[in-house]
Amino acid sequence: MAISYKKLWKLLIDKDMKKKELAMQAGISTYTINKLNRGDNVTTDVLAKICKTLNCTMDDIMEFVEEK
């Protein structure tokens, strides 16, 4: 199983927020944002910071998908 963060990117569009703004407000690095872009694993602490910043749950920003 792989993780998709497409929901996160759609949520950012809906909130008219750039990835760099999210990184600054959530207190995470641009390296971590790049990891999310690639669909790499990140810690639950990072996901929690994003959820707190966006006032959402983890289900709102990620989902498991079948690997191709």
PDB file of N, CA and C in Angstrom:
ATOM      1  N   MET A   1       0.834  -1.192   0.000  1.00  0.00           N
ATOM      2  CA  MET A   1       0.000   0.000   0.000  1.00  0.00           C
ATOM      3  C   MET A   1       0.877   1.253   0.000  1.00  0.00           C
ATOM      4  N   ALA A   2       0.424   2.228  -0.701  1.00  0.00           N
ATOM      5  CA  ALA A   2       1.112   3.516  -0.754  1.00  0.00           C
ATOM      6  C   ALA A   2       0.197   4.576  -0.144  1.00  0.00           C
ATOM      7  N   ILE A   3       0.779   5.702   0.171  1.00  0.00           N
ATOM      8  CA  ILE A   3       0.015   6.806   0.746  1.00  0.00           C
ATOM      9  C   ILE A   3      -0.093   7.914  -0.292  1.00  0.00           C
ATOM     10  N   SER A   4      -1.290   8.435  -0.444  1.00  0.00           N
ATOM     11  CA  SER A   4      -1.518   9.557  -1.352  1.00  0.00           C
ATOM     12  C   SER A   4      -1.902  10.783  -0.531  1.00  0.00           C
ATOM     13  N   TYR A   5      -1.286  11.906  -0.859  1.00  0.00           N
ATOM     14  CA  TYR A   5      -1.599  13.166  -0.186  1.00  0.00           C
ATOM     15  C   TYR A   5      -2.377  14.109  -1.107  1.00  0.00           C
ATOM     16  N   LYS A   6      -3.029  13.555  -2.128  1.00  0.00           N
ATOM     17  CA  LYS A   6      -3.816  14.378  -3.051  1.00  0.00           C
ATOM     18  C   LYS A   6      -4.881  15.179  -2.313  1.00  0.00           C
ATOM     19  N   LYS A   7      -5.456  14.578  -1.283  1.00  0.00           N
ATOM     20  CA  LYS A   7      -6.478  15.282  -0.495  1.00  0.00           C
ATOM     21  C   LYS A   7      -5.895  16.534   0.162  1.00  0.00           C
ATOM     22  N   LEU A   8      -4.648  16.451   0.614  1.00  0.00           N
ATOM     23  CA  LEU A   8      -3.992  17.608   1.224  1.00  0.00           C
ATOM     24  C   LEU A   8      -3.840  18.725   0.216  1.00  0.00           C
ATOM     25  N   TRP A   9      -3.361  18.387  -0.985  1.00  0.00           N
ATOM     26  CA  TRP A   9      -3.141  19.426  -1.999  1.00  0.00           C
ATOM     27  C   TRP A   9      -4.459  20.061  -2.433  1.00  0.00           C
ATOM     28  N   LYS A  10      -5.529  19.259  -2.508  1.00  0.00           N
ATOM     29  CA  LYS A  10      -6.843  19.814  -2.850  1.00  0.00           C
ATOM     30  C   LYS A  10      -7.330  20.740  -1.734  1.00  0.00           C
ATOM     31  N   LEU A  11      -7.107  20.333  -0.487  1.00  0.00           N
ATOM     32  CA  LEU A  11      -7.518  21.156   0.652  1.00  0.00           C
ATOM     33  C   LEU A  11      -6.779  22.493   0.643  1.00  0.00           C
ATOM     34  N   LEU A  12      -5.503  22.465   0.315  1.00  0.00           N
ATOM     35  CA  LEU A  12      -4.733  23.713   0.235  1.00  0.00           C
ATOM     36  C   LEU A  12      -5.302  24.630  -0.853  1.00  0.00           C
ATOM     37  N   ILE A  13      -5.682  24.047  -1.984  1.00  0.00           N
ATOM     38  CA  ILE A  13      -6.291  24.842  -3.055  1.00  0.00           C
ATOM     39  C   ILE A  13      -7.598  25.449  -2.570  1.00  0.00           C
ATOM     40  N   ASP A  14      -8.413  24.639  -1.899  1.00  0.00           N
ATOM     41  CA  ASP A  14      -9.698  25.122  -1.390  1.00  0.00           C
ATOM     42  C   ASP A  14      -9.524  26.255  -0.385  1.00  0.00           C
ATOM     43  N   LYS A  15      -8.446  26.191   0.393  1.00  0.00           N
ATOM     44  CA  LYS A  15      -8.178  27.221   1.404  1.00  0.00           C
ATOM     45  C   LYS A  15      -7.314  28.354   0.850  1.00  0.00           C
ATOM     46  N   ASP A  16      -6.995  28.288  -0.445  1.00  0.00           N
ATOM     47  CA  ASP A  16      -6.168  29.294  -1.106  1.00  0.00           C
ATOM     48  C   ASP A  16      -4.849  29.503  -0.357  1.00  0.00           C
ATOM     49  N   MET A  17      -4.192  28.371  -0.047  1.00  0.00           N
ATOM     50  CA  MET A  17      -2.941  28.401   0.710  1.00  0.00           C
ATOM     51  C   MET A  17      -1.842  27.725  -0.091  1.00  0.00           C
ATOM     52  N   LYS A  18      -0.679  28.303  -0.094  1.00  0.00           N
ATOM     53  CA  LYS A  18       0.465  27.719  -0.790  1.00  0.00           C
ATOM     54  C   LYS A  18       1.188  26.746   0.138  1.00  0.00           C
ATOM     55  N   LYS A  19       1.920  25.827  -0.459  1.00  0.00           N
ATOM     56  CA  LYS A  19       2.663  24.828   0.314  1.00  0.00           C
ATOM     57  C   LYS A  19       3.666  25.497   1.241  1.00  0.00           C
ATOM     58  N   LYS A  20       4.293  26.559   0.775  1.00  0.00           N
ATOM     59  CA  LYS A  20       5.270  27.270   1.597  1.00  0.00           C
ATOM     60  C   LYS A  20       4.595  27.890   2.828  1.00  0.00           C
ATOM     61  N   GLU A  21       3.384  28.419   2.641  1.00  0.00           N
ATOM     62  CA  GLU A  21       2.627  28.981   3.768  1.00  0.00           C
ATOM     63  C   GLU A  21       2.296  27.895   4.782  1.00  0.00           C
ATOM     64  N   LEU A  22       1.894  26.729   4.274  1.00  0.00           N
ATOM     65  CA  LEU A  22       1.586  25.605   5.161  1.00  0.00           C
ATOM     66  C   LEU A  22       2.820  25.235   5.976  1.00  0.00           C
ATOM     67  N   ALA A  23       3.960  25.137   5.318  1.00  0.00           N
ATOM     68  CA  ALA A  23       5.201  24.781   6.013  1.00  0.00           C
ATOM     69  C   ALA A  23       5.501  25.775   7.130  1.00  0.00           C
ATOM     70  N   MET A  24       5.371  27.058   6.837  1.00  0.00           N
ATOM     71  CA  MET A  24       5.672  28.084   7.848  1.00  0.00           C
ATOM     72  C   MET A  24       4.677  28.030   9.005  1.00  0.00           C
ATOM     73  N   GLN A  25       3.389  27.949   8.695  1.00  0.00           N
ATOM     74  CA  GLN A  25       2.368  27.961   9.748  1.00  0.00           C
ATOM     75  C   GLN A  25       2.383  26.695  10.593  1.00  0.00           C
ATOM     76  N   ALA A  26       2.694  25.555   9.964  1.00  0.00           N
ATOM     77  CA  ALA A  26       2.702  24.279  10.687  1.00  0.00           C
ATOM     78  C   ALA A  26       4.036  24.017  11.376  1.00  0.00           C
ATOM     79  N   GLY A  27       5.066  24.809  11.029  1.00  0.00           N
ATOM     80  CA  GLY A  27       6.374  24.608  11.646  1.00  0.00           C
ATOM     81  C   GLY A  27       7.086  23.375  11.124  1.00  0.00           C
ATOM     82  N   ILE A  28       6.912  23.101   9.828  1.00  0.00           N
ATOM     83  CA  ILE A  28       7.599  21.968   9.211  1.00  0.00           C
ATOM     84  C   ILE A  28       8.504  22.500   8.099  1.00  0.00           C
ATOM     85  N   SER A  29       9.463  21.701   7.701  1.00  0.00           N
ATOM     86  CA  SER A  29      10.445  22.158   6.717  1.00  0.00           C
ATOM     87  C   SER A  29       9.933  21.976   5.289  1.00  0.00           C
ATOM     88  N   THR A  30      10.572  22.685   4.377  1.00  0.00           N
ATOM     89  CA  THR A  30      10.235  22.511   2.964  1.00  0.00           C
ATOM     90  C   THR A  30      10.686  21.122   2.494  1.00  0.00           C
ATOM     91  N   TYR A  31      11.695  20.560   3.133  1.00  0.00           N
ATOM     92  CA  TYR A  31      12.120  19.190   2.838  1.00  0.00           C
ATOM     93  C   TYR A  31      10.965  18.225   3.114  1.00  0.00           C
ATOM     94  N   THR A  32      10.262  18.447   4.207  1.00  0.00           N
ATOM     95  CA  THR A  32       9.120  17.595   4.559  1.00  0.00           C
ATOM     96  C   THR A  32       7.998  17.772   3.540  1.00  0.00           C
ATOM     97  N   ILE A  33       7.766  18.996   3.106  1.00  0.00           N
ATOM     98  CA  ILE A  33       6.758  19.241   2.063  1.00  0.00           C
ATOM     99  C   ILE A  33       7.140  18.478   0.790  1.00  0.00           C
ATOM    100  N   ASN A  34       8.424  18.471   0.456  1.00  0.00           N
ATOM    101  CA  ASN A  34       8.895  17.726  -0.716  1.00  0.00           C
ATOM    102  C   ASN A  34       8.657  16.226  -0.553  1.00  0.00           C
ATOM    103  N   LYS A  35       8.859  15.714   0.655  1.00  0.00           N
ATOM    104  CA  LYS A  35       8.585  14.306   0.920  1.00  0.00           C
ATOM    105  C   LYS A  35       7.104  14.004   0.696  1.00  0.00           C
ATOM    106  N   LEU A  36       6.241  14.909   1.143  1.00  0.00           N
ATOM    107  CA  LEU A  36       4.806  14.735   0.931  1.00  0.00           C
ATOM    108  C   LEU A  36       4.482  14.754  -0.563  1.00  0.00           C
ATOM    109  N   ASN A  37       5.130  15.636  -1.303  1.00  0.00           N
ATOM    110  CA  ASN A  37       4.935  15.714  -2.757  1.00  0.00           C
ATOM    111  C   ASN A  37       5.246  14.389  -3.436  1.00  0.00           C
ATOM    112  N   ARG A  38       6.285  13.720  -2.955  1.00  0.00           N
ATOM    113  CA  ARG A  38       6.713  12.444  -3.537  1.00  0.00           C
ATOM    114  C   ARG A  38       5.907  11.263  -3.011  1.00  0.00           C
ATOM    115  N   GLY A  39       5.079  11.490  -1.996  1.00  0.00           N
ATOM    116  CA  GLY A  39       4.320  10.402  -1.399  1.00  0.00           C
ATOM    117  C   GLY A  39       5.153   9.561  -0.456  1.00  0.00           C
ATOM    118  N   ASP A  40       6.267  10.120   0.025  1.00  0.00           N
ATOM    119  CA  ASP A  40       7.132   9.412   0.968  1.00  0.00           C
ATOM    120  C   ASP A  40       6.493   9.404   2.359  1.00  0.00           C
ATOM    121  N   ASN A  41       7.017   8.548   3.213  1.00  0.00           N
ATOM    122  CA  ASN A  41       6.536   8.473   4.587  1.00  0.00           C
ATOM    123  C   ASN A  41       7.009   9.684   5.387  1.00  0.00           C
ATOM    124  N   VAL A  42       6.128  10.188   6.234  1.00  0.00           N
ATOM    125  CA  VAL A  42       6.470  11.237   7.188  1.00  0.00           C
ATOM    126  C   VAL A  42       5.939  10.795   8.542  1.00  0.00           C
ATOM    127  N   THR A  43       6.400  11.426   9.593  1.00  0.00           N
ATOM    128  CA  THR A  43       5.982  11.023  10.929  1.00  0.00           C
ATOM    129  C   THR A  43       4.552  11.473  11.224  1.00  0.00           C
ATOM    130  N   THR A  44       3.946  10.810  12.178  1.00  0.00           N
ATOM    131  CA  THR A  44       2.598  11.217  12.591  1.00  0.00           C
ATOM    132  C   THR A  44       2.630  12.596  13.240  1.00  0.00           C
ATOM    133  N   ASP A  45       3.758  12.977  13.816  1.00  0.00           N
ATOM    134  CA  ASP A  45       3.890  14.324  14.380  1.00  0.00           C
ATOM    135  C   ASP A  45       3.713  15.378  13.291  1.00  0.00           C
ATOM    136  N   VAL A  46       4.307  15.144  12.138  1.00  0.00           N
ATOM    137  CA  VAL A  46       4.178  16.072  11.008  1.00  0.00           C
ATOM    138  C   VAL A  46       2.720  16.146  10.567  1.00  0.00           C
ATOM    139  N   LEU A  47       2.085  14.985  10.424  1.00  0.00           N
ATOM    140  CA  LEU A  47       0.684  14.961  10.009  1.00  0.00           C
ATOM    141  C   LEU A  47      -0.202  15.666  11.025  1.00  0.00           C
ATOM    142  N   ALA A  48       0.103  15.493  12.305  1.00  0.00           N
ATOM    143  CA  ALA A  48      -0.673  16.156  13.356  1.00  0.00           C
ATOM    144  C   ALA A  48      -0.516  17.673  13.271  1.00  0.00           C
ATOM    145  N   LYS A  49       0.695  18.142  13.005  1.00  0.00           N
ATOM    146  CA  LYS A  49       0.920  19.590  12.873  1.00  0.00           C
ATOM    147  C   LYS A  49       0.134  20.153  11.698  1.00  0.00           C
ATOM    148  N   ILE A  50       0.118  19.419  10.594  1.00  0.00           N
ATOM    149  CA  ILE A  50      -0.640  19.861   9.415  1.00  0.00           C
ATOM    150  C   ILE A  50      -2.127  19.903   9.732  1.00  0.00           C
ATOM    151  N   CYS A  51      -2.624  18.858  10.383  1.00  0.00           N
ATOM    152  CA  CYS A  51      -4.048  18.808  10.738  1.00  0.00           C
ATOM    153  C   CYS A  51      -4.430  19.932  11.686  1.00  0.00           C
ATOM    154  N   LYS A  52      -3.573  20.204  12.653  1.00  0.00           N
ATOM    155  CA  LYS A  52      -3.855  21.293  13.591  1.00  0.00           C
ATOM    156  C   LYS A  52      -3.895  22.633  12.853  1.00  0.00           C
ATOM    157  N   THR A  53      -2.960  22.842  11.940  1.00  0.00           N
ATOM    158  CA  THR A  53      -2.895  24.088  11.184  1.00  0.00           C
ATOM    159  C   THR A  53      -4.118  24.270  10.294  1.00  0.00           C
ATOM    160  N   LEU A  54      -4.553  23.179   9.655  1.00  0.00           N
ATOM    161  CA  LEU A  54      -5.667  23.256   8.718  1.00  0.00           C
ATOM    162  C   LEU A  54      -7.017  22.965   9.369  1.00  0.00           C
ATOM    163  N   ASN A  55      -6.995  22.647  10.672  1.00  0.00           N
ATOM    164  CA  ASN A  55      -8.217  22.337  11.411  1.00  0.00           C
ATOM    165  C   ASN A  55      -8.981  21.196  10.724  1.00  0.00           C
ATOM    166  N   CYS A  56      -8.280  20.067  10.564  1.00  0.00           N
ATOM    167  CA  CYS A  56      -8.885  18.923   9.896  1.00  0.00           C
ATOM    168  C   CYS A  56      -8.385  17.634  10.555  1.00  0.00           C
ATOM    169  N   THR A  57      -8.804  16.507  10.013  1.00  0.00           N
ATOM    170  CA  THR A  57      -8.340  15.206  10.510  1.00  0.00           C
ATOM    171  C   THR A  57      -7.404  14.584   9.478  1.00  0.00           C
ATOM    172  N   MET A  58      -6.735  13.501   9.867  1.00  0.00           N
ATOM    173  CA  MET A  58      -5.808  12.836   8.946  1.00  0.00           C
ATOM    174  C   MET A  58      -6.542  12.274   7.731  1.00  0.00           C
ATOM    175  N   ASP A  59      -7.790  11.857   7.912  1.00  0.00           N
ATOM    176  CA  ASP A  59      -8.586  11.374   6.780  1.00  0.00           C
ATOM    177  C   ASP A  59      -8.800  12.459   5.733  1.00  0.00           C
ATOM    178  N   ASP A  60      -8.737  13.714   6.152  1.00  0.00           N
ATOM    179  CA  ASP A  60      -8.945  14.833   5.237  1.00  0.00           C
ATOM    180  C   ASP A  60      -7.720  15.145   4.386  1.00  0.00           C
ATOM    181  N   ILE A  61      -6.549  14.622   4.768  1.00  0.00           N
ATOM    182  CA  ILE A  61      -5.321  14.991   4.056  1.00  0.00           C
ATOM    183  C   ILE A  61      -4.590  13.825   3.405  1.00  0.00           C
ATOM    184  N   MET A  62      -4.972  12.596   3.726  1.00  0.00           N
ATOM    185  CA  MET A  62      -4.249  11.454   3.161  1.00  0.00           C
ATOM    186  C   MET A  62      -5.173  10.260   2.997  1.00  0.00           C
ATOM    187  N   GLU A  63      -4.732   9.317   2.147  1.00  0.00           N
ATOM    188  CA  GLU A  63      -5.451   8.066   1.981  1.00  0.00           C
ATOM    189  C   GLU A  63      -4.488   6.994   1.505  1.00  0.00           C
ATOM    190  N   PHE A  64      -4.826   5.759   1.792  1.00  0.00           N
ATOM    191  CA  PHE A  64      -4.024   4.639   1.328  1.00  0.00           C
ATOM    192  C   PHE A  64      -4.527   4.223  -0.043  1.00  0.00           C
ATOM    193  N   VAL A  65      -3.589   3.976  -0.958  1.00  0.00           N
ATOM    194  CA  VAL A  65      -3.934   3.535  -2.316  1.00  0.00           C
ATOM    195  C   VAL A  65      -3.126   2.296  -2.672  1.00  0.00           C
ATOM    196  N   GLU A  66      -3.666   1.510  -3.574  1.00  0.00           N
ATOM    197  CA  GLU A  66      -2.944   0.320  -4.042  1.00  0.00           C
ATOM    198  C   GLU A  66      -1.739   0.762  -4.866  1.00  0.00           C
ATOM    199  N   GLU A  67      -0.612   0.112  -4.657  1.00  0.00           N
ATOM    200  CA  GLU A  67       0.582   0.427  -5.453  1.00  0.00           C
ATOM    201  C   GLU A  67       0.420  -0.183  -6.837  1.00  0.00           C
ATOM    202  N   LYS A  68       0.941   0.513  -7.835  1.00  0.00           N
ATOM    203  CA  LYS A  68       0.807   0.055  -9.225  1.00  0.00           C
ATOM    204  C   LYS A  68       1.906  -0.901  -9.579  1.00  0.00           C
TER     205      LYS A  68
END
